[in-house]
C-alpha atoms as a PDB file:
ATOM      1  CA  MET A   1       0.000   0.000   0.000  1.00  0.00           C
ATOM      2  CA  SER A   2       1.360   3.422  -0.936  1.00  0.00           C
ATOM      3  CA  PHE A   3       2.060   6.022   1.757  1.00  0.00           C
ATOM      4  CA  LEU A   4       0.970   9.173  -0.114  1.00  0.00           C
ATOM      5  CA  THR A   5      -1.874   8.705  -2.592  1.00  0.00           C
ATOM      6  CA  LEU A   6      -3.236  11.280  -5.020  1.00  0.00           C
ATOM      7  CA  ASN A   7      -6.370   9.971  -6.686  1.00  0.00           C
ATOM      8  CA  ASN A   8      -7.826  11.843  -9.657  1.00  0.00           C
ATOM      9  CA  ILE A   9      -6.760  15.204  -8.172  1.00  0.00           C
ATOM     10  CA  GLN A  10      -8.059  18.263 -10.014  1.00  0.00           C
ATOM     11  CA  LYS A  11      -7.710  21.985  -9.429  1.00  0.00           C
ATOM     12  CA  SER A  12      -9.365  24.890 -11.182  1.00  0.00           C
ATOM     13  CA  PHE A  13      -9.028  28.620 -10.652  1.00  0.00           C
ATOM     14  CA  GLY A  14     -12.211  30.002 -12.117  1.00  0.00           C
ATOM     15  CA  PRO A  15     -12.633  28.582 -15.624  1.00  0.00           C
ATOM     16  CA  VAL A  16      -8.967  27.572 -15.863  1.00  0.00           C
ATOM     17  CA  GLN A  17      -8.130  23.976 -14.943  1.00  0.00           C
ATOM     18  CA  VAL A  18      -4.494  23.983 -13.784  1.00  0.00           C
ATOM     19  CA  VAL A  19      -4.306  20.352 -12.597  1.00  0.00           C
ATOM     20  CA  LYS A  20      -6.110  17.683 -14.605  1.00  0.00           C
ATOM     21  CA  ASN A  21      -7.002  14.250 -13.212  1.00  0.00           C
ATOM     22  CA  PHE A  22      -3.642  13.720 -11.515  1.00  0.00           C
ATOM     23  CA  ASN A  23      -2.965  10.240 -10.103  1.00  0.00           C
ATOM     24  CA  MET A  24       0.088   9.008  -8.226  1.00  0.00           C
ATOM     25  CA  ASN A  25       1.122   6.600  -5.477  1.00  0.00           C
ATOM     26  CA  ILE A  26       4.248   7.523  -3.511  1.00  0.00           C
ATOM     27  CA  GLU A  27       5.905   4.955  -1.263  1.00  0.00           C
ATOM     28  CA  LYS A  28       7.099   5.598   2.280  1.00  0.00           C
ATOM     29  CA  GLY A  29      10.650   6.970   2.247  1.00  0.00           C
ATOM     30  CA  GLU A  30      10.563   7.736  -1.483  1.00  0.00           C
ATOM     31  CA  PHE A  31      12.046  10.921  -2.950  1.00  0.00           C
ATOM     32  CA  VAL A  32       9.833  12.135  -5.801  1.00  0.00           C
ATOM     33  CA  SER A  33      10.536  15.242  -7.883  1.00  0.00           C
ATOM     34  CA  PHE A  34       7.905  17.197  -9.791  1.00  0.00           C
ATOM     35  CA  LEU A  35       9.671  18.632 -12.828  1.00  0.00           C
ATOM     36  CA  GLY A  36       8.302  21.046 -15.386  1.00  0.00           C
ATOM     37  CA  PRO A  37       8.227  24.618 -16.675  1.00  0.00           C
ATOM     38  CA  SER A  38       6.499  27.526 -14.938  1.00  0.00           C
ATOM     39  CA  GLY A  39       2.717  27.205 -15.011  1.00  0.00           C
ATOM     40  CA  CYS A  40       2.625  23.431 -15.516  1.00  0.00           C
ATOM     41  CA  GLY A  41       0.834  22.780 -12.195  1.00  0.00           C
ATOM     42  CA  LYS A  42       3.655  21.230 -10.155  1.00  0.00           C
ATOM     43  CA  THR A  43       3.561  23.772  -7.312  1.00  0.00           C
ATOM     44  CA  THR A  44      -0.240  23.638  -7.224  1.00  0.00           C
ATOM     45  CA  VAL A  45      -0.059  19.870  -6.615  1.00  0.00           C
ATOM     46  CA  LEU A  46       2.467  20.492  -3.819  1.00  0.00           C
ATOM     47  CA  ARG A  47       0.226  23.124  -2.234  1.00  0.00           C
ATOM     48  CA  MET A  48      -2.730  20.731  -2.328  1.00  0.00           C
ATOM     49  CA  ILE A  49      -0.660  18.094  -0.512  1.00  0.00           C
ATOM     50  CA  ALA A  50       0.262  20.737   2.084  1.00  0.00           C
ATOM     51  CA  GLY A  51      -3.349  21.884   2.454  1.00  0.00           C
ATOM     52  CA  PHE A  52      -2.745  25.427   1.213  1.00  0.00           C
ATOM     53  CA  GLU A  53      -5.046  24.739  -1.749  1.00  0.00           C
ATOM     54  CA  THR A  54      -8.223  22.666  -1.752  1.00  0.00           C
ATOM     55  CA  PRO A  55      -8.652  20.245  -4.691  1.00  0.00           C
ATOM     56  CA  THR A  56     -11.603  20.927  -6.969  1.00  0.00           C
ATOM     57  CA  GLY A  57     -11.983  17.172  -7.309  1.00  0.00           C
ATOM     58  CA  GLY A  58     -10.328  13.916  -6.256  1.00  0.00           C
ATOM     59  CA  THR A  59      -8.928  12.654  -2.966  1.00  0.00           C
ATOM     60  CA  LEU A  60      -5.588  12.838  -1.208  1.00  0.00           C
ATOM     61  CA  SER A  61      -4.502  10.472   1.572  1.00  0.00           C
ATOM     62  CA  ILE A  62      -1.408   9.979   3.732  1.00  0.00           C
ATOM     63  CA  ASN A  63      -0.792   6.612   5.374  1.00  0.00           C
ATOM     64  CA  GLY A  64      -4.319   5.547   4.483  1.00  0.00           C
ATOM     65  CA  LYS A  65      -6.018   8.603   6.033  1.00  0.00           C
ATOM     66  CA  ASP A  66      -7.972  11.069   3.912  1.00  0.00           C
ATOM     67  CA  GLN A  67      -6.451  14.563   4.203  1.00  0.00           C
ATOM     68  CA  SER A  68      -8.987  16.456   2.108  1.00  0.00           C
ATOM     69  CA  SER A  69     -10.812  18.137   5.003  1.00  0.00           C
ATOM     70  CA  LEU A  70      -7.733  18.753   7.187  1.00  0.00           C
ATOM     71  CA  LYS A  71      -6.120  22.158   7.605  1.00  0.00           C
ATOM     72  CA  PRO A  72      -2.368  22.528   6.932  1.00  0.00           C
ATOM     73  CA  ASN A  73      -1.504  22.456  10.656  1.00  0.00           C
ATOM     74  CA  GLN A  74      -3.422  19.187  11.066  1.00  0.00           C
ATOM     75  CA  ARG A  75      -1.524  17.241   8.399  1.00  0.00           C
ATOM     76  CA  ASN A  76       1.889  16.938  10.091  1.00  0.00           C
ATOM     77  CA  ILE A  77       3.730  18.044   6.972  1.00  0.00           C
ATOM     78  CA  GLY A  78       7.050  19.883   6.835  1.00  0.00           C
ATOM     79  CA  MET A  79       7.546  22.453   4.099  1.00  0.00           C
ATOM     80  CA  VAL A  80      10.603  24.318   2.842  1.00  0.00           C
ATOM     81  CA  PHE A  81       9.992  27.342   0.624  1.00  0.00           C
ATOM     82  CA  GLN A  82      12.100  28.987  -2.055  1.00  0.00           C
ATOM     83  CA  ALA A  83      12.445  32.216  -0.044  1.00  0.00           C
ATOM     84  CA  TYR A  84      13.624  30.585   3.256  1.00  0.00           C
ATOM     85  CA  ALA A  85      10.726  32.225   5.235  1.00  0.00           C
ATOM     86  CA  LEU A  86      12.766  32.411   8.439  1.00  0.00           C
ATOM     87  CA  PHE A  87      11.689  34.748  11.220  1.00  0.00           C
ATOM     88  CA  PRO A  88      14.206  37.629  11.050  1.00  0.00           C
ATOM     89  CA  ASN A  89      13.815  38.545  14.733  1.00  0.00           C
ATOM     90  CA  MET A  90      14.573  34.999  15.929  1.00  0.00           C
ATOM     91  CA  THR A  91      17.905  33.225  16.314  1.00  0.00           C
ATOM     92  CA  VAL A  92      18.670  30.019  14.443  1.00  0.00           C
ATOM     93  CA  HIS A  93      17.810  28.049  17.582  1.00  0.00           C
ATOM     94  CA  ASP A  94      14.442  29.769  17.977  1.00  0.00           C
ATOM     95  CA  ASN A  95      13.570  29.401  14.291  1.00  0.00           C
ATOM     96  CA  VAL A  96      14.123  25.651  14.438  1.00  0.00           C
ATOM     97  CA  ALA A  97      12.276  25.447  17.755  1.00  0.00           C
ATOM     98  CA  PHE A  98       9.219  27.369  16.539  1.00  0.00           C
ATOM     99  CA  GLY A  99       7.086  24.426  15.386  1.00  0.00           C
ATOM    100  CA  LEU A 100       7.927  22.453  18.508  1.00  0.00           C
ATOM    101  CA  LYS A 101       6.823  25.339  20.728  1.00  0.00           C
ATOM    102  CA  VAL A 102       3.540  25.627  18.839  1.00  0.00           C
ATOM    103  CA  ALA A 103       3.047  21.884  19.349  1.00  0.00           C
ATOM    104  CA  GLY A 104       3.497  22.321  23.097  1.00  0.00           C
ATOM    105  CA  ALA A 105       6.761  20.405  23.549  1.00  0.00           C
ATOM    106  CA  SER A 106       8.657  20.927  26.821  1.00  0.00           C
ATOM    107  CA  LYS A 107      11.820  23.038  26.915  1.00  0.00           C
ATOM    108  CA  PRO A 108      14.147  20.031  27.444  1.00  0.00           C
ATOM    109  CA  GLU A 109      12.489  18.258  24.477  1.00  0.00           C
ATOM    110  CA  ILE A 110      12.799  21.369  22.329  1.00  0.00           C
ATOM    111  CA  ASP A 111      16.453  21.961  23.204  1.00  0.00           C
ATOM    112  CA  ALA A 112      17.365  18.336  22.554  1.00  0.00           C
ATOM    113  CA  ARG A 113      15.533  18.240  19.199  1.00  0.00           C
ATOM    114  CA  VAL A 114      16.990  21.583  18.047  1.00  0.00           C
ATOM    115  CA  LYS A 115      20.484  20.402  18.944  1.00  0.00           C
ATOM    116  CA  GLU A 116      19.871  17.194  16.975  1.00  0.00           C
ATOM    117  CA  MET A 117      18.588  19.075  13.923  1.00  0.00           C
ATOM    118  CA  LEU A 118      21.391  21.646  13.914  1.00  0.00           C
ATOM    119  CA  GLY A 119      23.901  18.811  14.180  1.00  0.00           C
ATOM    120  CA  LEU A 120      22.207  17.131  11.230  1.00  0.00           C
ATOM    121  CA  ILE A 121      22.689  20.229   9.041  1.00  0.00           C
ATOM    122  CA  LYS A 122      26.135  20.920  10.563  1.00  0.00           C
ATOM    123  CA  LEU A 123      25.213  24.385  11.876  1.00  0.00           C
ATOM    124  CA  ASP A 124      25.134  23.722  15.618  1.00  0.00           C
ATOM    125  CA  HIS A 125      27.899  26.316  16.085  1.00  0.00           C
ATOM    126  CA  LEU A 126      25.589  29.032  14.685  1.00  0.00           C
ATOM    127  CA  ALA A 127      22.616  28.486  16.995  1.00  0.00           C
ATOM    128  CA  ASP A 128      22.709  32.052  18.360  1.00  0.00           C
ATOM    129  CA  ARG A 129      22.976  33.845  15.022  1.00  0.00           C
ATOM    130  CA  PHE A 130      20.154  35.679  13.292  1.00  0.00           C
ATOM    131  CA  PRO A 131      19.169  34.975   9.648  1.00  0.00           C
ATOM    132  CA  TYR A 132      20.697  38.243   8.349  1.00  0.00           C
ATOM    133  CA  GLN A 133      24.078  37.090   9.679  1.00  0.00           C
ATOM    134  CA  MET A 134      24.041  33.961   7.487  1.00  0.00           C
ATOM    135  CA  SER A 135      24.510  33.101   3.829  1.00  0.00           C
ATOM    136  CA  GLY A 136      21.630  31.986   1.637  1.00  0.00           C
ATOM    137  CA  GLY A 137      22.762  28.376   1.770  1.00  0.00           C
ATOM    138  CA  GLN A 138      22.968  28.447   5.546  1.00  0.00           C
ATOM    139  CA  GLN A 139      19.508  30.010   5.822  1.00  0.00           C
ATOM    140  CA  GLN A 140      18.036  27.291   3.631  1.00  0.00           C
ATOM    141  CA  ARG A 141      19.652  24.635   5.835  1.00  0.00           C
ATOM    142  CA  VAL A 142      17.980  26.244   8.845  1.00  0.00           C
ATOM    143  CA  ALA A 143      14.637  26.228   7.004  1.00  0.00           C
ATOM    144  CA  LEU A 144      15.144  22.508   6.315  1.00  0.00           C
ATOM    145  CA  ALA A 145      15.971  21.830   9.986  1.00  0.00           C
ATOM    146  CA  ARG A 146      12.860  23.733  11.077  1.00  0.00           C
ATOM    147  CA  ALA A 147      10.679  21.644   8.746  1.00  0.00           C
ATOM    148  CA  LEU A 148      12.202  18.386   9.996  1.00  0.00           C
ATOM    149  CA  ALA A 149      12.169  19.282  13.699  1.00  0.00           C
ATOM    150  CA  VAL A 150       8.477  18.401  14.125  1.00  0.00           C
ATOM    151  CA  LYS A 151       9.033  14.900  12.673  1.00  0.00           C
ATOM    152  CA  PRO A 152       6.638  15.358   9.733  1.00  0.00           C
ATOM    153  CA  GLN A 153       4.997  12.490   7.841  1.00  0.00           C
ATOM    154  CA  VAL A 154       5.937  14.103   4.537  1.00  0.00           C
ATOM    155  CA  LEU A 155       8.552  16.707   3.618  1.00  0.00           C
ATOM    156  CA  LEU A 156       7.638  19.159   0.838  1.00  0.00           C
ATOM    157  CA  LEU A 157      10.309  21.238  -0.901  1.00  0.00           C
ATOM    158  CA  ASP A 158       9.140  24.040  -3.205  1.00  0.00           C
ATOM    159  CA  GLU A 159      12.104  24.990  -5.428  1.00  0.00           C
ATOM    160  CA  PRO A 160      14.304  25.445  -2.324  1.00  0.00           C
ATOM    161  CA  LEU A 161      17.538  25.888  -4.269  1.00  0.00           C
ATOM    162  CA  SER A 162      16.546  28.296  -7.034  1.00  0.00           C
ATOM    163  CA  ALA A 163      17.695  31.431  -5.151  1.00  0.00           C
ATOM    164  CA  LEU A 164      21.211  30.064  -4.565  1.00  0.00           C
ATOM    165  CA  ASP A 165      24.282  30.234  -6.780  1.00  0.00           C
ATOM    166  CA  ALA A 166      25.239  27.186  -8.848  1.00  0.00           C
ATOM    167  CA  LYS A 167      27.997  25.803  -6.621  1.00  0.00           C
ATOM    168  CA  ILE A 168      25.941  26.083  -3.415  1.00  0.00           C
ATOM    169  CA  ARG A 169      22.949  24.529  -5.191  1.00  0.00           C
ATOM    170  CA  VAL A 170      24.907  21.391  -6.054  1.00  0.00           C
ATOM    171  CA  SER A 171      26.305  20.880  -2.546  1.00  0.00           C
ATOM    172  CA  LEU A 172      22.975  21.599  -0.839  1.00  0.00           C
ATOM    173  CA  ARG A 173      20.937  19.292  -3.044  1.00  0.00           C
ATOM    174  CA  GLU A 174      23.366  16.471  -2.232  1.00  0.00           C
ATOM    175  CA  GLU A 175      23.028  17.319   1.462  1.00  0.00           C
ATOM    176  CA  ILE A 176      19.220  17.313   1.234  1.00  0.00           C
ATOM    177  CA  ARG A 177      19.277  13.884  -0.420  1.00  0.00           C
ATOM    178  CA  GLN A 178      21.679  12.515   2.195  1.00  0.00           C
ATOM    179  CA  ILE A 179      19.511  13.790   5.069  1.00  0.00           C
ATOM    180  CA  GLN A 180      16.348  12.459   3.419  1.00  0.00           C
ATOM    181  CA  GLN A 181      17.862   8.991   3.066  1.00  0.00           C
ATOM    182  CA  GLN A 182      19.239   9.100   6.605  1.00  0.00           C
ATOM    183  CA  LEU A 183      15.820   9.937   8.067  1.00  0.00           C
ATOM    184  CA  GLY A 184      13.831   7.822   5.594  1.00  0.00           C
ATOM    185  CA  ILE A 185      11.255  10.569   5.191  1.00  0.00           C
ATOM    186  CA  THR A 186       8.812  10.637   2.263  1.00  0.00           C
ATOM    187  CA  THR A 187       9.751  13.698   0.226  1.00  0.00           C
ATOM    188  CA  VAL A 188       8.192  15.643  -2.650  1.00  0.00           C
ATOM    189  CA  PHE A 189      10.534  18.101  -4.359  1.00  0.00           C
ATOM    190  CA  VAL A 190       9.373  20.703  -6.892  1.00  0.00           C
ATOM    191  CA  THR A 191      11.881  22.064  -9.413  1.00  0.00           C
ATOM    192  CA  HIS A 192      12.198  23.349 -12.956  1.00  0.00           C
ATOM    193  CA  ASP A 193      15.872  22.281 -13.016  1.00  0.00           C
ATOM    194  CA  GLN A 194      16.230  18.944 -14.804  1.00  0.00           C
ATOM    195  CA  GLU A 195      19.739  18.322 -13.432  1.00  0.00           C
ATOM    196  CA  GLU A 196      18.457  18.645  -9.861  1.00  0.00           C
ATOM    197  CA  ALA A 197      15.621  16.217 -10.499  1.00  0.00           C
ATOM    198  CA  LEU A 198      17.798  13.684 -12.298  1.00  0.00           C
ATOM    199  CA  SER A 199      20.545  13.719  -9.666  1.00  0.00           C
ATOM    200  CA  ILE A 200      18.587  13.187  -6.440  1.00  0.00           C
ATOM    201  CA  SER A 201      15.233  11.548  -7.207  1.00  0.00           C
ATOM    202  CA  ASP A 202      13.945   8.016  -6.877  1.00  0.00           C
ATOM    203  CA  ARG A 203      11.234   8.937  -9.363  1.00  0.00           C
ATOM    204  CA  ILE A 204      10.419  11.999 -11.446  1.00  0.00           C
ATOM    205  CA  VAL A 205       7.023  13.342 -12.507  1.00  0.00           C
ATOM    206  CA  VAL A 206       7.397  15.412 -15.678  1.00  0.00           C
ATOM    207  CA  MET A 207       4.436  17.777 -15.733  1.00  0.00           C
ATOM    208  CA  ASN A 208       3.042  19.585 -18.735  1.00  0.00           C
ATOM    209  CA  ALA A 209      -0.104  21.736 -18.883  1.00  0.00           C
ATOM    210  CA  GLY A 210      -1.591  20.384 -15.656  1.00  0.00           C
ATOM    211  CA  LYS A 211      -0.963  16.692 -16.218  1.00  0.00           C
ATOM    212  CA  ALA A 212       1.825  14.162 -15.821  1.00  0.00           C
ATOM    213  CA  ASP A 213       3.346  13.439 -19.218  1.00  0.00           C
ATOM    214  CA  GLN A 214       5.546  10.730 -17.715  1.00  0.00           C
ATOM    215  CA  ILE A 215       6.359   9.227 -14.317  1.00  0.00           C
ATOM    216  CA  GLY A 216       9.496   7.128 -13.965  1.00  0.00           C
ATOM    217  CA  SER A 217      13.001   6.751 -12.615  1.00  0.00           C
ATOM    218  CA  PRO A 218      15.625   9.294 -13.730  1.00  0.00           C
ATOM    219  CA  PHE A 219      17.083   6.575 -15.994  1.00  0.00           C
ATOM    220  CA  GLU A 220      13.699   5.947 -17.633  1.00  0.00           C
ATOM    221  CA  ILE A 221      12.836   9.626 -18.014  1.00  0.00           C
ATOM    222  CA  TYR A 222      16.169  10.464 -19.629  1.00  0.00           C
ATOM    223  CA  ASN A 223      16.688   7.407 -21.822  1.00  0.00           C
ATOM    224  CA  THR A 224      13.134   6.527 -22.850  1.00  0.00           C
ATOM    225  CA  PRO A 225      11.038   9.735 -22.936  1.00  0.00           C
ATOM    226  CA  ALA A 226       7.376   8.902 -23.530  1.00  0.00           C
ATOM    227  CA  THR A 227       6.339  12.101 -25.314  1.00  0.00           C
ATOM    228  CA  ARG A 228       7.774  14.845 -27.452  1.00  0.00           C
ATOM    229  CA  PHE A 229       7.492  17.250 -24.507  1.00  0.00           C
ATOM    230  CA  VAL A 230       9.480  15.009 -22.140  1.00  0.00           C
ATOM    231  CA  ALA A 231      12.062  14.390 -24.837  1.00  0.00           C
ATOM    232  CA  SER A 232      12.577  18.105 -25.429  1.00  0.00           C
ATOM    233  CA  PHE A 233      12.386  19.220 -21.793  1.00  0.00           C
ATOM    234  CA  VAL A 234      14.649  16.671 -20.100  1.00  0.00           C
ATOM    235  CA  GLY A 235      18.254  16.925 -21.225  1.00  0.00           C
ATOM    236  CA  THR A 236      19.515  17.975 -24.622  1.00  0.00           C
ATOM    237  CA  LEU A 237      17.868  15.888 -27.292  1.00  0.00           C
ATOM    238  CA  ASN A 238      17.837  15.789 -31.068  1.00  0.00           C
ATOM    239  CA  LEU A 239      14.339  15.598 -32.555  1.00  0.00           C
ATOM    240  CA  ILE A 240      14.579  14.201 -36.067  1.00  0.00           C
ATOM    241  CA  GLU A 241      11.850  13.979 -38.691  1.00  0.00           C
ATOM    242  CA  ALA A 242      11.889  10.755 -40.729  1.00  0.00           C
ATOM    243  CA  LYS A 243       9.681   9.075 -43.319  1.00  0.00           C
ATOM    244  CA  VAL A 244       8.559   5.459 -43.048  1.00  0.00           C
ATOM    245  CA  VAL A 245       9.714   3.446 -46.084  1.00  0.00           C
ATOM    246  CA  ASP A 246       8.858  -0.151 -45.139  1.00  0.00           C
ATOM    247  CA  PRO A 247       6.920  -0.636 -41.872  1.00  0.00           C
ATOM    248  CA  ASP A 248       7.437  -4.416 -41.816  1.00  0.00           C
ATOM    249  CA  ALA A 249      11.210  -4.074 -42.129  1.00  0.00           C
ATOM    250  CA  ASN A 250      11.406  -1.037 -39.759  1.00  0.00           C
ATOM    251  CA  LEU A 251      13.026   0.847 -42.648  1.00  0.00           C
ATOM    252  CA  ILE A 252      12.919   4.650 -42.493  1.00  0.00           C
ATOM    253  CA  GLN A 253      14.456   7.540 -44.423  1.00  0.00           C
ATOM    254  CA  ILE A 254      16.119  10.674 -43.054  1.00  0.00           C
ATOM    255  CA  GLY A 255      16.753  13.091 -45.890  1.00  0.00           C
ATOM    256  CA  ASP A 256      18.020  10.821 -48.678  1.00  0.00           C
ATOM    257  CA  GLN A 257      19.521   8.219 -46.316  1.00  0.00           C
ATOM    258  CA  GLN A 258      17.779   5.015 -45.300  1.00  0.00           C
ATOM    259  CA  ILE A 259      18.374   3.230 -42.001  1.00  0.00           C
ATOM    260  CA  THR A 260      16.743   0.359 -40.111  1.00  0.00           C
ATOM    261  CA  LEU A 261      15.358   0.973 -36.640  1.00  0.00           C
ATOM    262  CA  LYS A 262      15.405  -1.502 -33.775  1.00  0.00           C
ATOM    263  CA  GLN A 263      12.056  -0.148 -32.599  1.00  0.00           C
ATOM    264  CA  SER A 264       9.028  -1.367 -34.529  1.00  0.00           C
ATOM    265  CA  VAL A 265       7.300   1.014 -36.950  1.00  0.00           C
ATOM    266  CA  ALA A 266       4.620  -1.518 -37.895  1.00  0.00           C
ATOM    267  CA  ALA A 267       1.938   0.789 -36.472  1.00  0.00           C
ATOM    268  CA  HIS A 268       2.788   3.397 -39.126  1.00  0.00           C
ATOM    269  CA  LYS A 269       2.079   3.449 -42.848  1.00  0.00           C
ATOM    270  CA  ALA A 270       4.622   3.764 -45.644  1.00  0.00           C
ATOM    271  CA  GLY A 271       5.165   7.442 -46.443  1.00  0.00           C
ATOM    272  CA  GLU A 272       4.087   8.572 -42.959  1.00  0.00           C
ATOM    273  CA  THR A 273       6.307  11.077 -41.131  1.00  0.00           C
ATOM    274  CA  ILE A 274       7.480  10.118 -37.644  1.00  0.00           C
ATOM    275  CA  SER A 275       9.548  11.879 -34.980  1.00  0.00           C
ATOM    276  CA  LEU A 276      12.737  10.305 -33.674  1.00  0.00           C
ATOM    277  CA  ALA A 277      14.929  11.191 -30.699  1.00  0.00           C
ATOM    278  CA  LEU A 278      18.694  10.822 -30.363  1.00  0.00           C
ATOM    279  CA  ARG A 279      20.820  11.997 -27.424  1.00  0.00           C
ATOM    280  CA  PRO A 280      23.951  14.008 -28.340  1.00  0.00           C
ATOM    281  CA  GLU A 281      26.181  11.634 -26.388  1.00  0.00           C
ATOM    282  CA  ALA A 282      24.959   8.610 -28.389  1.00  0.00           C
ATOM    283  CA  GLY A 283      26.872   9.517 -31.553  1.00  0.00           C
ATOM    284  CA  SER A 284      30.556   9.503 -32.469  1.00  0.00           C
ATOM    285  CA  LEU A 285      32.720  10.379 -35.485  1.00  0.00           C
ATOM    286  CA  SER A 286      35.231   7.662 -34.642  1.00  0.00           C
ATOM    287  CA  ASP A 287      35.593   4.749 -37.047  1.00  0.00           C
ATOM    288  CA  THR A 288      36.121   2.445 -34.062  1.00  0.00           C
ATOM    289  CA  ALA A 289      33.027   3.579 -32.147  1.00  0.00           C
ATOM    290  CA  ARG A 290      30.530   0.891 -31.181  1.00  0.00           C
ATOM    291  CA  SER A 291      27.850   1.350 -33.823  1.00  0.00           C
ATOM    292  CA  ASP A 292      25.583  -0.388 -36.312  1.00  0.00           C
ATOM    293  CA  THR A 293      24.112   2.718 -37.972  1.00  0.00           C
ATOM    294  CA  ALA A 294      25.495   5.883 -39.554  1.00  0.00           C
ATOM    295  CA  LEU A 295      24.292   9.190 -40.982  1.00  0.00           C
ATOM    296  CA  THR A 296      26.366  11.503 -43.158  1.00  0.00           C
ATOM    297  CA  GLY A 297      25.891  15.249 -43.124  1.00  0.00           C
ATOM    298  CA  GLN A 298      27.508  18.656 -43.253  1.00  0.00           C
ATOM    299  CA  VAL A 299      28.841  20.399 -40.141  1.00  0.00           C
ATOM    300  CA  VAL A 300      26.917  23.559 -39.243  1.00  0.00           C
ATOM    301  CA  SER A 301      28.902  24.616 -36.160  1.00  0.00           C
ATOM    302  CA  ALA A 302      31.098  23.408 -33.299  1.00  0.00           C
ATOM    303  CA  HIS A 303      30.910  24.932 -29.800  1.00  0.00           C
ATOM    304  CA  PHE A 304      33.584  24.499 -27.141  1.00  0.00           C
ATOM    305  CA  LEU A 305      31.953  23.629 -23.774  1.00  0.00           C
ATOM    306  CA  GLY A 306      35.040  22.736 -21.767  1.00  0.00           C
ATOM    307  CA  SER A 307      35.237  18.975 -21.400  1.00  0.00           C
ATOM    308  CA  VAL A 308      33.146  18.426 -24.541  1.00  0.00           C
ATOM    309  CA  ILE A 309      32.719  20.010 -27.946  1.00  0.00           C
ATOM    310  CA  ARG A 310      29.110  20.109 -29.128  1.00  0.00           C
ATOM    311  CA  THR A 311      28.945  19.865 -32.909  1.00  0.00           C
ATOM    312  CA  ARG A 312      25.862  20.403 -35.061  1.00  0.00           C
ATOM    313  CA  MET A 313      25.403  18.770 -38.453  1.00  0.00           C
ATOM    314  CA  ASN A 314      22.694  19.000 -41.118  1.00  0.00           C
ATOM    315  CA  VAL A 315      21.184  15.735 -42.308  1.00  0.00           C
ATOM    316  CA  GLY A 316      18.361  16.177 -44.808  1.00  0.00           C
ATOM    317  CA  GLY A 317      17.177  19.398 -43.167  1.00  0.00           C
ATOM    318  CA  ASN A 318      17.493  17.998 -39.629  1.00  0.00           C
ATOM    319  CA  VAL A 319      20.138  19.690 -37.478  1.00  0.00           C
ATOM    320  CA  ILE A 320      21.622  16.979 -35.271  1.00  0.00           C
ATOM    321  CA  SER A 321      23.874  17.789 -32.314  1.00  0.00           C
ATOM    322  CA  PHE A 322      26.478  15.392 -31.008  1.00  0.00           C
ATOM    323  CA  ASP A 323      29.173  15.616 -28.328  1.00  0.00           C
ATOM    324  CA  MET A 324      32.819  14.739 -28.633  1.00  0.00           C
ATOM    325  CA  PHE A 325      35.336  14.845 -25.790  1.00  0.00           C
ATOM    326  CA  ASN A 326      37.760  17.721 -25.868  1.00  0.00           C
ATOM    327  CA  SER A 327      41.206  16.371 -26.682  1.00  0.00           C
ATOM    328  CA  PRO A 328      44.195  18.667 -27.407  1.00  0.00           C
ATOM    329  CA  GLY A 329      45.393  16.243 -30.059  1.00  0.00           C
ATOM    330  CA  VAL A 330      42.115  16.100 -31.994  1.00  0.00           C
ATOM    331  CA  THR A 331      40.937  19.023 -34.121  1.00  0.00           C
ATOM    332  CA  PRO A 332      37.148  19.414 -34.069  1.00  0.00           C
ATOM    333  CA  PRO A 333      35.346  19.387 -37.419  1.00  0.00           C
ATOM    334  CA  GLN A 334      34.880  22.727 -39.136  1.00  0.00           C
ATOM    335  CA  ALA A 335      31.710  24.300 -40.526  1.00  0.00           C
ATOM    336  CA  GLY A 336      30.997  23.024 -44.038  1.00  0.00           C
ATOM    337  CA  GLU A 337      32.951  19.790 -43.529  1.00  0.00           C
ATOM    338  CA  THR A 338      31.218  16.502 -44.406  1.00  0.00           C
ATOM    339  CA  VAL A 339      31.256  13.995 -41.541  1.00  0.00           C
ATOM    340  CA  THR A 340      29.708  10.620 -40.706  1.00  0.00           C
ATOM    341  CA  LEU A 341      28.008  10.188 -37.356  1.00  0.00           C
ATOM    342  CA  ARG A 342      28.005   6.602 -36.061  1.00  0.00           C
ATOM    343  CA  PHE A 343      25.634   5.279 -33.391  1.00  0.00           C
ATOM    344  CA  MET A 344      23.572   2.269 -32.339  1.00  0.00           C
ATOM    345  CA  ALA A 345      20.154   1.989 -33.984  1.00  0.00           C
ATOM    346  CA  ALA A 346      18.688   1.127 -30.576  1.00  0.00           C
ATOM    347  CA  ASP A 347      19.523   4.689 -29.424  1.00  0.00           C
ATOM    348  CA  LEU A 348      17.184   6.176 -32.048  1.00  0.00           C
ATOM    349  CA  LEU A 349      13.740   6.249 -30.434  1.00  0.00           C
ATOM    350  CA  ILE A 350      10.296   6.928 -31.879  1.00  0.00           C
ATOM    351  CA  ILE A 351       8.605   9.818 -30.049  1.00  0.00           C
ATOM    352  CA  ARG A 352       4.830  10.140 -29.982  1.00  0.00           C
ATOM    353  CA  ASP A 353       3.316  13.607 -30.181  1.00  0.00           C
END
């Protein structure tokens, strides 16, 4: 039995339906990320779990108990916001202790729990500081400790890293994941950053226009996107238009070049146009690369990205990007040069619209 269940959840603001028939079962101790662009409905789902928004339809339960009629303070949920939301007139100790005081815990219990939480986030030496005396990363750690101090059933994180610089974001997301695994707490994390979602999640919900386009592990989401939206939103992906030549033989044509897919095209008719996806890292110009398929085209551009060089080539009107490792002894191809990209046919996936 799942721990957090969302059954046919819907939410409308006036005539606009922002969440459409959303269903998901989240297991106890699971870390699930809601990933998608602004306005896709991911934060609205989070706010409905927290009780800040009331679903227009559907039910929501935690540990088998319906939460629909409960107020936020009755759900035993911890929440960390993007903007820290610390009390500026309170010390770190008092911020973390706030929820415990509201719950009526004794002073010895509060002091012991605060000490435990500050040790967990490695800020016990800053207990007497005020928020303005701390960095953004430190403030967000305090906000996390405050949310965890009350021993919530579920931890909700609403884009908690978006206000931080890149280096701090990486270290803090790893720390959040480590703490979550250590405590075994069920966690829902909202982000628009695909790298964040891919790096720390057990499962990812890719949301688009109020619905889940795909739910799966980071490996599944990245390597086998279910829709054109997921394919284009998660990672860098080449979307290639091809024409079906022989459905029974899985033979297709890209520009004037024919190749055989591993994936069946029997559901399509000869002459029909289909969309294919290919990751930039799947291709190579090397003659010795592991491959069973090749496409020849003309180089459009090559961009130096540090450890890799991202090259773009034109194949029958499709601009295909591929990555090659930066090596001082290898000169990258130049614009206008004809090259052959080699890859495995199994890496070329059919994408449904």
